[in-house]
Amino acid sequence: GNRRIVDAFPTMRFIPKNKSSISVKEMIGYINTKVKK
């Protein structure tokens, strides 16, 4: 699953076309590796 990818690579940055990279965790609001329930 996607959560495994995000946890395995916490500094991963998504690279949109013709744009600068953006932190995946920041983009999905997944900060401090926790999602509130």
Full PDB file with SEQRES, HELIX, SHEET, SSBOND, CRYST1, ORIGX, SCALE, CONECT and MASTER records, all heavy atoms in Angstrom:
SEQRES   1 A   37  GLY ASN ARG ARG ILE VAL ASP ALA PHE PRO THR MET ARG          
SEQRES   2 A   37  PHE ILE PRO LYS ASN LYS SER SER ILE SER VAL LYS GLU          
SEQRES   3 A   37  MET ILE GLY TYR ILE ASN THR LYS VAL LYS LYS                  
HELIX    1 AA1 ASN A    2  ALA A    8  1                                   7    
HELIX    2 AA2 VAL A   24  MET A   27  1                                   4    
HELIX    3 AA3 ILE A   31  THR A   33  5                                   3    
SHEET    1 AA1 2 ARG A  13  PHE A  14  0                                        
SHEET    2 AA1 2 ILE A  22  SER A  23 -1                                        
CRYST1    1.000    1.000    1.000  90.00  90.00  90.00 P 1           1          
ORIGX1      1.000000  0.000000  0.000000        0.00000                         
ORIGX2      0.000000  1.000000  0.000000        0.00000                         
ORIGX3      0.000000  0.000000  1.000000        0.00000                         
SCALE1      1.000000  0.000000  0.000000        0.00000                         
SCALE2      0.000000  1.000000  0.000000        0.00000                         
SCALE3      0.000000  0.000000  1.000000        0.00000                         
ATOM      1  N   GLY A   1       0.787  -1.224   0.000  1.00  0.00           N  
ATOM      2  CA  GLY A   1       0.000   0.000   0.000  1.00  0.00           C  
ATOM      3  C   GLY A   1       0.817   1.269   0.000  1.00  0.00           C  
ATOM      4  O   GLY A   1       2.032   1.271   0.196  1.00  0.00           O  
ATOM      5  N   ASN A   2       0.113   2.384  -0.242  1.00  0.00           N  
ATOM      6  CA  ASN A   2       0.765   3.687  -0.328  1.00  0.00           C  
ATOM      7  C   ASN A   2       1.375   4.125   0.996  1.00  0.00           C  
ATOM      8  O   ASN A   2       2.403   4.795   1.022  1.00  0.00           O  
ATOM      9  CB  ASN A   2      -0.251   4.731  -0.796  1.00  0.00           C  
ATOM     10  CG  ASN A   2      -0.777   4.431  -2.185  1.00  0.00           C  
ATOM     11  OD1 ASN A   2      -0.110   3.774  -2.976  1.00  0.00           O  
ATOM     12  ND2 ASN A   2      -1.976   4.889  -2.479  1.00  0.00           N  
ATOM     13  N   ARG A   3       0.731   3.751   2.094  1.00  0.00           N  
ATOM     14  CA  ARG A   3       1.257   4.129   3.411  1.00  0.00           C  
ATOM     15  C   ARG A   3       2.652   3.532   3.612  1.00  0.00           C  
ATOM     16  O   ARG A   3       3.535   4.165   4.196  1.00  0.00           O  
ATOM     17  CB  ARG A   3       0.305   3.674   4.521  1.00  0.00           C  
ATOM     18  CG  ARG A   3       0.705   4.180   5.904  1.00  0.00           C  
ATOM     19  CD  ARG A   3      -0.166   3.542   6.968  1.00  0.00           C  
ATOM     20  NE  ARG A   3      -1.517   4.043   6.877  1.00  0.00           N  
ATOM     21  CZ  ARG A   3      -1.977   5.083   7.583  1.00  0.00           C  
ATOM     22  NH1 ARG A   3      -1.170   5.721   8.387  1.00  0.00           N  
ATOM     23  NH2 ARG A   3      -3.222   5.470   7.467  1.00  0.00           N  
ATOM     24  N   ARG A   4       2.844   2.301   3.125  1.00  0.00           N  
ATOM     25  CA  ARG A   4       4.159   1.675   3.235  1.00  0.00           C  
ATOM     26  C   ARG A   4       5.216   2.494   2.499  1.00  0.00           C  
ATOM     27  O   ARG A   4       6.321   2.713   3.002  1.00  0.00           O  
ATOM     28  CB  ARG A   4       4.132   0.261   2.643  1.00  0.00           C  
ATOM     29  CG  ARG A   4       5.456  -0.462   2.810  1.00  0.00           C  
ATOM     30  CD  ARG A   4       5.619  -1.594   1.825  1.00  0.00           C  
ATOM     31  NE  ARG A   4       5.944  -1.127   0.498  1.00  0.00           N  
ATOM     32  CZ  ARG A   4       7.168  -0.810   0.103  1.00  0.00           C  
ATOM     33  NH1 ARG A   4       8.183  -0.887   0.942  1.00  0.00           N  
ATOM     34  NH2 ARG A   4       7.395  -0.396  -1.125  1.00  0.00           N  
ATOM     35  N   ILE A   5       4.867   2.991   1.308  1.00  0.00           N  
ATOM     36  CA  ILE A   5       5.813   3.776   0.524  1.00  0.00           C  
ATOM     37  C   ILE A   5       6.163   5.069   1.256  1.00  0.00           C  
ATOM     38  O   ILE A   5       7.331   5.452   1.349  1.00  0.00           O  
ATOM     39  CB  ILE A   5       5.226   4.092  -0.868  1.00  0.00           C  
ATOM     40  CG1 ILE A   5       4.983   2.799  -1.652  1.00  0.00           C  
ATOM     41  CG2 ILE A   5       6.152   5.017  -1.651  1.00  0.00           C  
ATOM     42  CD1 ILE A   5       4.299   3.013  -2.981  1.00  0.00           C  
ATOM     43  N   VAL A   6       5.155   5.747   1.785  1.00  0.00           N  
ATOM     44  CA  VAL A   6       5.379   7.023   2.472  1.00  0.00           C  
ATOM     45  C   VAL A   6       6.210   6.819   3.733  1.00  0.00           C  
ATOM     46  O   VAL A   6       7.109   7.616   4.039  1.00  0.00           O  
ATOM     47  CB  VAL A   6       4.038   7.707   2.813  1.00  0.00           C  
ATOM     48  CG1 VAL A   6       4.266   8.982   3.603  1.00  0.00           C  
ATOM     49  CG2 VAL A   6       3.264   8.029   1.532  1.00  0.00           C  
ATOM     50  N   ASP A   7       5.925   5.746   4.479  1.00  0.00           N  
ATOM     51  CA  ASP A   7       6.693   5.465   5.698  1.00  0.00           C  
ATOM     52  C   ASP A   7       8.124   5.031   5.367  1.00  0.00           C  
ATOM     53  O   ASP A   7       9.059   5.367   6.089  1.00  0.00           O  
ATOM     54  CB  ASP A   7       6.005   4.374   6.521  1.00  0.00           C  
ATOM     55  CG  ASP A   7       4.795   4.904   7.286  1.00  0.00           C  
ATOM     56  OD1 ASP A   7       4.708   6.131   7.462  1.00  0.00           O  
ATOM     57  OD2 ASP A   7       3.947   4.096   7.681  1.00  0.00           O  
ATOM     58  N   ALA A   8       8.274   4.270   4.282  1.00  0.00           N  
ATOM     59  CA  ALA A   8       9.595   3.763   3.916  1.00  0.00           C  
ATOM     60  C   ALA A   8      10.509   4.871   3.405  1.00  0.00           C  
ATOM     61  O   ALA A   8      11.722   4.819   3.595  1.00  0.00           O  
ATOM     62  CB  ALA A   8       9.466   2.664   2.864  1.00  0.00           C  
ATOM     63  N   PHE A   9       9.905   5.882   2.771  1.00  0.00           N  
ATOM     64  CA  PHE A   9      10.689   6.985   2.219  1.00  0.00           C  
ATOM     65  C   PHE A   9      10.105   8.318   2.705  1.00  0.00           C  
ATOM     66  O   PHE A   9       9.422   9.026   1.952  1.00  0.00           O  
ATOM     67  CB  PHE A   9      10.688   6.928   0.686  1.00  0.00           C  
ATOM     68  CG  PHE A   9      11.319   5.684   0.126  1.00  0.00           C  
ATOM     69  CD1 PHE A   9      10.542   4.576  -0.174  1.00  0.00           C  
ATOM     70  CD2 PHE A   9      12.689   5.616  -0.063  1.00  0.00           C  
ATOM     71  CE1 PHE A   9      11.125   3.417  -0.680  1.00  0.00           C  
ATOM     72  CE2 PHE A   9      13.280   4.466  -0.569  1.00  0.00           C  
ATOM     73  CZ  PHE A   9      12.497   3.362  -0.879  1.00  0.00           C  
ATOM     74  N   PRO A  10      10.337   8.660   3.983  1.00  0.00           N  
ATOM     75  CA  PRO A  10       9.705   9.848   4.576  1.00  0.00           C  
ATOM     76  C   PRO A  10      10.128  11.164   3.942  1.00  0.00           C  
ATOM     77  O   PRO A  10       9.426  12.159   4.085  1.00  0.00           O  
ATOM     78  CB  PRO A  10      10.139   9.776   6.051  1.00  0.00           C  
ATOM     79  CG  PRO A  10      11.375   8.946   6.042  1.00  0.00           C  
ATOM     80  CD  PRO A  10      11.187   7.943   4.953  1.00  0.00           C  
ATOM     81  N   THR A  11      11.261  11.199   3.237  1.00  0.00           N  
ATOM     82  CA  THR A  11      11.699  12.447   2.596  1.00  0.00           C  
ATOM     83  C   THR A  11      11.365  12.470   1.112  1.00  0.00           C  
ATOM     84  O   THR A  11      11.852  13.324   0.382  1.00  0.00           O  
ATOM     85  CB  THR A  11      13.223  12.649   2.768  1.00  0.00           C  
ATOM     86  OG1 THR A  11      13.923  11.558   2.141  1.00  0.00           O  
ATOM     87  CG2 THR A  11      13.602  12.727   4.238  1.00  0.00           C  
ATOM     88  N   MET A  12      10.541  11.529   0.670  1.00  0.00           N  
ATOM     89  CA  MET A  12      10.184  11.459  -0.752  1.00  0.00           C  
ATOM     90  C   MET A  12       9.550  12.772  -1.223  1.00  0.00           C  
ATOM     91  O   MET A  12       8.731  13.375  -0.521  1.00  0.00           O  
ATOM     92  CB  MET A  12       9.201  10.315  -1.004  1.00  0.00           C  
ATOM     93  CG  MET A  12       8.703  10.234  -2.451  1.00  0.00           C  
ATOM     94  SD  MET A  12       7.401   9.006  -2.689  1.00  0.00           S  
ATOM     95  CE  MET A  12       8.389   7.528  -2.747  1.00  0.00           C  
ATOM     96  N   ARG A  13       9.945  13.191  -2.438  1.00  0.00           N  
ATOM     97  CA  ARG A  13       9.402  14.415  -3.026  1.00  0.00           C  
ATOM     98  C   ARG A  13       8.811  14.102  -4.397  1.00  0.00           C  
ATOM     99  O   ARG A  13       9.463  13.474  -5.242  1.00  0.00           O  
ATOM    100  CB  ARG A  13      10.489  15.486  -3.144  1.00  0.00           C  
ATOM    101  CG  ARG A  13      11.091  15.884  -1.809  1.00  0.00           C  
ATOM    102  CD  ARG A  13      12.079  17.010  -1.948  1.00  0.00           C  
ATOM    103  NE  ARG A  13      11.422  18.249  -2.310  1.00  0.00           N  
ATOM    104  CZ  ARG A  13      10.839  19.084  -1.440  1.00  0.00           C  
ATOM    105  NH1 ARG A  13      10.863  18.802  -0.147  1.00  0.00           N  
ATOM    106  NH2 ARG A  13      10.262  20.191  -1.848  1.00  0.00           N  
ATOM    107  N   PHE A  14       7.558  14.515  -4.591  1.00  0.00           N  
ATOM    108  CA  PHE A  14       6.878  14.328  -5.867  1.00  0.00           C  
ATOM    109  C   PHE A  14       7.323  15.434  -6.821  1.00  0.00           C  
ATOM    110  O   PHE A  14       7.475  16.591  -6.426  1.00  0.00           O  
ATOM    111  CB  PHE A  14       5.360  14.395  -5.648  1.00  0.00           C  
ATOM    112  CG  PHE A  14       4.551  14.418  -6.918  1.00  0.00           C  
ATOM    113  CD1 PHE A  14       4.611  13.364  -7.812  1.00  0.00           C  
ATOM    114  CD2 PHE A  14       3.737  15.502  -7.214  1.00  0.00           C  
ATOM    115  CE1 PHE A  14       3.862  13.390  -8.981  1.00  0.00           C  
ATOM    116  CE2 PHE A  14       2.987  15.538  -8.371  1.00  0.00           C  
ATOM    117  CZ  PHE A  14       3.048  14.478  -9.251  1.00  0.00           C  
ATOM    118  N   ILE A  15       7.535  15.081  -8.091  1.00  0.00           N  
ATOM    119  CA  ILE A  15       8.009  16.049  -9.078  1.00  0.00           C  
ATOM    120  C   ILE A  15       6.940  16.235 -10.160  1.00  0.00           C  
ATOM    121  O   ILE A  15       6.846  15.421 -11.093  1.00  0.00           O  
ATOM    122  CB  ILE A  15       9.331  15.602  -9.728  1.00  0.00           C  
ATOM    123  CG1 ILE A  15      10.378  15.311  -8.647  1.00  0.00           C  
ATOM    124  CG2 ILE A  15       9.848  16.656 -10.698  1.00  0.00           C  
ATOM    125  CD1 ILE A  15      11.668  14.753  -9.190  1.00  0.00           C  
ATOM    126  N   PRO A  16       6.095  17.278 -10.063  1.00  0.00           N  
ATOM    127  CA  PRO A  16       5.101  17.548 -11.106  1.00  0.00           C  
ATOM    128  C   PRO A  16       5.794  17.954 -12.404  1.00  0.00           C  
ATOM    129  O   PRO A  16       6.953  18.367 -12.399  1.00  0.00           O  
ATOM    130  CB  PRO A  16       4.286  18.722 -10.526  1.00  0.00           C  
ATOM    131  CG  PRO A  16       4.659  18.786  -9.085  1.00  0.00           C  
ATOM    132  CD  PRO A  16       6.041  18.248  -8.979  1.00  0.00           C  
ATOM    133  N   LYS A  17       5.076  17.858 -13.501  1.00  0.00           N  
ATOM    134  CA  LYS A  17       5.658  18.242 -14.783  1.00  0.00           C  
ATOM    135  C   LYS A  17       5.974  19.730 -14.803  1.00  0.00           C  
ATOM    136  O   LYS A  17       5.124  20.569 -14.493  1.00  0.00           O  
ATOM    137  CB  LYS A  17       4.680  17.903 -15.917  1.00  0.00           C  
ATOM    138  CG  LYS A  17       4.442  16.408 -16.086  1.00  0.00           C  
ATOM    139  CD  LYS A  17       3.457  16.130 -17.204  1.00  0.00           C  
ATOM    140  CE  LYS A  17       3.231  14.622 -17.351  1.00  0.00           C  
ATOM    141  NZ  LYS A  17       2.237  14.331 -18.412  1.00  0.00           N  
ATOM    142  N   ASN A  18       7.209  20.034 -15.162  1.00  0.00           N  
ATOM    143  CA  ASN A  18       7.663  21.432 -15.287  1.00  0.00           C  
ATOM    144  C   ASN A  18       7.514  22.234 -13.996  1.00  0.00           C  
ATOM    145  O   ASN A  18       7.360  23.456 -14.032  1.00  0.00           O  
ATOM    146  CB  ASN A  18       6.915  22.146 -16.423  1.00  0.00           C  
ATOM    147  CG  ASN A  18       7.074  21.439 -17.755  1.00  0.00           C  
ATOM    148  OD1 ASN A  18       8.163  20.972 -18.086  1.00  0.00           O  
ATOM    149  ND2 ASN A  18       5.995  21.347 -18.511  1.00  0.00           N  
ATOM    150  N   LYS A  19       7.528  21.555 -12.859  1.00  0.00           N  
ATOM    151  CA  LYS A  19       7.414  22.237 -11.572  1.00  0.00           C  
ATOM    152  C   LYS A  19       8.533  21.750 -10.654  1.00  0.00           C  
ATOM    153  O   LYS A  19       9.142  20.712 -10.873  1.00  0.00           O  
ATOM    154  CB  LYS A  19       6.052  21.941 -10.914  1.00  0.00           C  
ATOM    155  CG  LYS A  19       4.852  22.415 -11.725  1.00  0.00           C  
ATOM    156  CD  LYS A  19       4.645  23.908 -11.617  1.00  0.00           C  
ATOM    157  CE  LYS A  19       3.368  24.345 -12.317  1.00  0.00           C  
ATOM    158  NZ  LYS A  19       3.143  25.788 -12.213  1.00  0.00           N  
ATOM    159  N   SER A  20       8.800  22.533  -9.605  1.00  0.00           N  
ATOM    160  CA  SER A  20       9.783  22.092  -8.620  1.00  0.00           C  
ATOM    161  C   SER A  20       9.169  20.995  -7.760  1.00  0.00           C  
ATOM    162  O   SER A  20       7.942  20.877  -7.645  1.00  0.00           O  
ATOM    163  CB  SER A  20      10.228  23.267  -7.752  1.00  0.00           C  
ATOM    164  OG  SER A  20       9.111  23.848  -7.106  1.00  0.00           O  
ATOM    165  N   SER A  21      10.011  20.183  -7.138  1.00  0.00           N  
ATOM    166  CA  SER A  21       9.527  19.049  -6.352  1.00  0.00           C  
ATOM    167  C   SER A  21       8.814  19.521  -5.088  1.00  0.00           C  
ATOM    168  O   SER A  21       9.048  20.616  -4.585  1.00  0.00           O  
ATOM    169  CB  SER A  21      10.700  18.135  -5.977  1.00  0.00           C  
ATOM    170  OG  SER A  21      11.613  18.817  -5.137  1.00  0.00           O  
ATOM    171  N   ILE A  22       7.934  18.682  -4.582  1.00  0.00           N  
ATOM    172  CA  ILE A  22       7.169  19.003  -3.382  1.00  0.00           C  
ATOM    173  C   ILE A  22       7.140  17.771  -2.483  1.00  0.00           C  
ATOM    174  O   ILE A  22       7.007  16.643  -2.966  1.00  0.00           O  
ATOM    175  CB  ILE A  22       5.731  19.456  -3.741  1.00  0.00           C  
ATOM    176  CG1 ILE A  22       4.921  19.722  -2.466  1.00  0.00           C  
ATOM    177  CG2 ILE A  22       5.029  18.434  -4.615  1.00  0.00           C  
ATOM    178  CD1 ILE A  22       3.557  20.310  -2.730  1.00  0.00           C  
ATOM    179  N   SER A  23       7.296  17.974  -1.178  1.00  0.00           N  
ATOM    180  CA  SER A  23       7.292  16.868  -0.231  1.00  0.00           C  
ATOM    181  C   SER A  23       5.951  16.134  -0.277  1.00  0.00           C  
ATOM    182  O   SER A  23       4.887  16.741  -0.190  1.00  0.00           O  
ATOM    183  CB  SER A  23       7.534  17.402   1.186  1.00  0.00           C  
ATOM    184  OG  SER A  23       7.234  16.407   2.144  1.00  0.00           O  
ATOM    185  N   VAL A  24       6.007  14.815  -0.416  1.00  0.00           N  
ATOM    186  CA  VAL A  24       4.789  14.012  -0.470  1.00  0.00           C  
ATOM    187  C   VAL A  24       4.028  14.110   0.844  1.00  0.00           C  
ATOM    188  O   VAL A  24       2.809  14.267   0.858  1.00  0.00           O  
ATOM    189  CB  VAL A  24       5.131  12.541  -0.787  1.00  0.00           C  
ATOM    190  CG1 VAL A  24       3.902  11.654  -0.607  1.00  0.00           C  
ATOM    191  CG2 VAL A  24       5.664  12.416  -2.207  1.00  0.00           C  
ATOM    192  N   LYS A  25       4.752  14.059   1.968  1.00  0.00           N  
ATOM    193  CA  LYS A  25       4.076  14.122   3.266  1.00  0.00           C  
ATOM    194  C   LYS A  25       3.380  15.463   3.474  1.00  0.00           C  
ATOM    195  O   LYS A  25       2.305  15.535   4.051  1.00  0.00           O  
ATOM    196  CB  LYS A  25       5.074  13.856   4.398  1.00  0.00           C  
ATOM    197  CG  LYS A  25       5.378  12.384   4.586  1.00  0.00           C  
ATOM    198  CD  LYS A  25       6.043  12.129   5.917  1.00  0.00           C  
ATOM    199  CE  LYS A  25       6.151  10.635   6.186  1.00  0.00           C  
ATOM    200  NZ  LYS A  25       6.702  10.346   7.511  1.00  0.00           N  
ATOM    201  N   GLU A  26       4.015  16.538   3.009  1.00  0.00           N  
ATOM    202  CA  GLU A  26       3.385  17.850   3.150  1.00  0.00           C  
ATOM    203  C   GLU A  26       2.152  17.940   2.262  1.00  0.00           C  
ATOM    204  O   GLU A  26       1.134  18.522   2.642  1.00  0.00           O  
ATOM    205  CB  GLU A  26       4.380  18.949   2.786  1.00  0.00           C  
ATOM    206  CG  GLU A  26       5.488  19.134   3.800  1.00  0.00           C  
ATOM    207  CD  GLU A  26       6.490  20.190   3.376  1.00  0.00           C  
ATOM    208  OE1 GLU A  26       6.127  21.041   2.536  1.00  0.00           O  
ATOM    209  OE2 GLU A  26       7.628  20.165   3.860  1.00  0.00           O  
ATOM    210  N   MET A  27       2.226  17.365   1.070  1.00  0.00           N  
ATOM    211  CA  MET A  27       1.127  17.459   0.125  1.00  0.00           C  
ATOM    212  C   MET A  27      -0.117  16.731   0.626  1.00  0.00           C  
ATOM    213  O   MET A  27      -1.242  17.175   0.430  1.00  0.00           O  
ATOM    214  CB  MET A  27       1.546  16.900  -1.236  1.00  0.00           C  
ATOM    215  CG  MET A  27       0.500  17.106  -2.319  1.00  0.00           C  
ATOM    216  SD  MET A  27       1.157  16.876  -3.983  1.00  0.00           S  
ATOM    217  CE  MET A  27       1.577  15.148  -3.956  1.00  0.00           C  
ATOM    218  N   ILE A  28       0.077  15.612   1.300  1.00  0.00           N  
ATOM    219  CA  ILE A  28      -1.076  14.856   1.771  1.00  0.00           C  
ATOM    220  C   ILE A  28      -1.369  15.113   3.248  1.00  0.00           C  
ATOM    221  O   ILE A  28      -2.261  14.494   3.822  1.00  0.00           O  
ATOM    222  CB  ILE A  28      -0.876  13.343   1.539  1.00  0.00           C  
ATOM    223  CG1 ILE A  28       0.336  12.832   2.311  1.00  0.00           C  
ATOM    224  CG2 ILE A  28      -0.719  13.039   0.064  1.00  0.00           C  
ATOM    225  CD1 ILE A  28       0.596  11.351   2.120  1.00  0.00           C  
ATOM    226  N   GLY A  29      -0.609  16.057   3.851  1.00  0.00           N  
ATOM    227  CA  GLY A  29      -0.863  16.405   5.245  1.00  0.00           C  
ATOM    228  C   GLY A  29      -0.544  15.280   6.205  1.00  0.00           C  
ATOM    229  O   GLY A  29      -1.124  15.176   7.281  1.00  0.00           O  
ATOM    230  N   TYR A  30       0.403  14.434   5.823  1.00  0.00           N  
ATOM    231  CA  TYR A  30       0.761  13.275   6.640  1.00  0.00           C  
ATOM    232  C   TYR A  30       2.017  13.617   7.424  1.00  0.00           C  
ATOM    233  O   TYR A  30       3.120  13.237   7.076  1.00  0.00           O  
ATOM    234  CB  TYR A  30       1.004  12.084   5.713  1.00  0.00           C  
ATOM    235  CG  TYR A  30       1.201  10.742   6.392  1.00  0.00           C  
ATOM    236  CD1 TYR A  30       0.226  10.204   7.227  1.00  0.00           C  
ATOM    237  CD2 TYR A  30       2.352  10.001   6.155  1.00  0.00           C  
ATOM    238  CE1 TYR A  30       0.393   8.974   7.803  1.00  0.00           C  
ATOM    239  CE2 TYR A  30       2.536   8.753   6.741  1.00  0.00           C  
ATOM    240  CZ  TYR A  30       1.544   8.246   7.567  1.00  0.00           C  
ATOM    241  OH  TYR A  30       1.724   7.015   8.136  1.00  0.00           O  
ATOM    242  N   ILE A  31       1.850  14.393   8.489  1.00  0.00           N  
ATOM    243  CA  ILE A  31       2.977  14.930   9.244  1.00  0.00           C  
ATOM    244  C   ILE A  31       3.235  14.083  10.490  1.00  0.00           C  
ATOM    245  O   ILE A  31       2.308  13.605  11.137  1.00  0.00           O  
ATOM    246  CB  ILE A  31       2.699  16.394   9.647  1.00  0.00           C  
ATOM    247  CG1 ILE A  31       2.321  17.209   8.410  1.00  0.00           C  
ATOM    248  CG2 ILE A  31       3.894  16.987  10.350  1.00  0.00           C  
ATOM    249  CD1 ILE A  31       3.379  17.243   7.318  1.00  0.00           C  
ATOM    250  N   ASN A  32       4.545  13.934  10.809  1.00  0.00           N  
ATOM    251  CA  ASN A  32       4.966  13.157  11.979  1.00  0.00           C  
ATOM    252  C   ASN A  32       4.500  11.709  11.912  1.00  0.00           C  
ATOM    253  O   ASN A  32       4.283  11.053  12.930  1.00  0.00           O  
ATOM    254  CB  ASN A  32       4.442  13.787  13.284  1.00  0.00           C  
ATOM    255  CG  ASN A  32       5.047  15.155  13.511  1.00  0.00           C  
ATOM    256  OD1 ASN A  32       6.186  15.424  13.137  1.00  0.00           O  
ATOM    257  ND2 ASN A  32       4.277  16.044  14.106  1.00  0.00           N  
ATOM    258  N   THR A  33       4.316  11.215  10.664  1.00  0.00           N  
ATOM    259  CA  THR A  33       3.936   9.828  10.373  1.00  0.00           C  
ATOM    260  C   THR A  33       2.692   9.381  11.133  1.00  0.00           C  
ATOM    261  O   THR A  33       2.522   8.223  11.460  1.00  0.00           O  
ATOM    262  CB  THR A  33       5.086   8.854  10.695  1.00  0.00           C  
ATOM    263  OG1 THR A  33       5.347   8.870  12.092  1.00  0.00           O  
ATOM    264  CG2 THR A  33       6.348   9.231   9.946  1.00  0.00           C  
ATOM    265  N   LYS A  34       1.779  10.308  11.398  1.00  0.00           N  
ATOM    266  CA  LYS A  34       0.544   9.938  12.090  1.00  0.00           C  
ATOM    267  C   LYS A  34      -0.635  10.561  11.373  1.00  0.00           C  
ATOM    268  O   LYS A  34      -0.590  11.670  10.886  1.00  0.00           O  
ATOM    269  CB  LYS A  34       0.561  10.428  13.544  1.00  0.00           C  
ATOM    270  CG  LYS A  34       1.609   9.734  14.407  1.00  0.00           C  
ATOM    271  CD  LYS A  34       1.549  10.265  15.816  1.00  0.00           C  
ATOM    272  CE  LYS A  34       2.598   9.598  16.694  1.00  0.00           C  
ATOM    273  NZ  LYS A  34       2.606  10.128  18.056  1.00  0.00           N  
ATOM    274  N   VAL A  35      -1.740   9.820  11.306  1.00  0.00           N  
ATOM    275  CA  VAL A  35      -2.993  10.333  10.766  1.00  0.00           C  
ATOM    276  C   VAL A  35      -4.041  10.183  11.855  1.00  0.00           C  
ATOM    277  O   VAL A  35      -4.277   9.090  12.365  1.00  0.00           O  
ATOM    278  CB  VAL A  35      -3.443   9.544   9.514  1.00  0.00           C  
ATOM    279  CG1 VAL A  35      -4.783  10.035   9.022  1.00  0.00           C  
ATOM    280  CG2 VAL A  35      -2.394   9.687   8.413  1.00  0.00           C  
ATOM    281  N   LYS A  36      -4.675  11.261  12.224  1.00  0.00           N  
ATOM    282  CA  LYS A  36      -5.639  11.221  13.332  1.00  0.00           C  
ATOM    283  C   LYS A  36      -6.849  10.383  12.945  1.00  0.00           C  
ATOM    284  O   LYS A  36      -7.321  10.395  11.824  1.00  0.00           O  
ATOM    285  CB  LYS A  36      -6.089  12.642  13.681  1.00  0.00           C  
ATOM    286  CG  LYS A  36      -4.962  13.480  14.274  1.00  0.00           C  
ATOM    287  CD  LYS A  36      -5.487  14.850  14.639  1.00  0.00           C  
ATOM    288  CE  LYS A  36      -4.376  15.708  15.249  1.00  0.00           C  
ATOM    289  NZ  LYS A  36      -4.838  17.046  15.603  1.00  0.00           N  
ATOM    290  N   LYS A  37      -7.373   9.664  13.937  1.00  0.00           N  
ATOM    291  CA  LYS A  37      -8.556   8.834  13.728  1.00  0.00           C  
ATOM    292  C   LYS A  37      -9.766   9.476  14.420  1.00  0.00           C  
ATOM    293  O   LYS A  37      -9.641  10.203  15.375  1.00  0.00           O  
ATOM    294  CB  LYS A  37      -8.320   7.429  14.284  1.00  0.00           C  
ATOM    295  CG  LYS A  37      -7.167   6.697  13.611  1.00  0.00           C  
ATOM    296  CD  LYS A  37      -6.991   5.322  14.248  1.00  0.00           C  
ATOM    297  CE  LYS A  37      -5.824   4.577  13.621  1.00  0.00           C  
ATOM    298  NZ  LYS A  37      -5.633   3.245  14.243  1.00  0.00           N  
TER     299      LYS A  37                                                      
MASTER        0    0    0    3    2    0    0    6  298    1    0    3          
END                                                                             
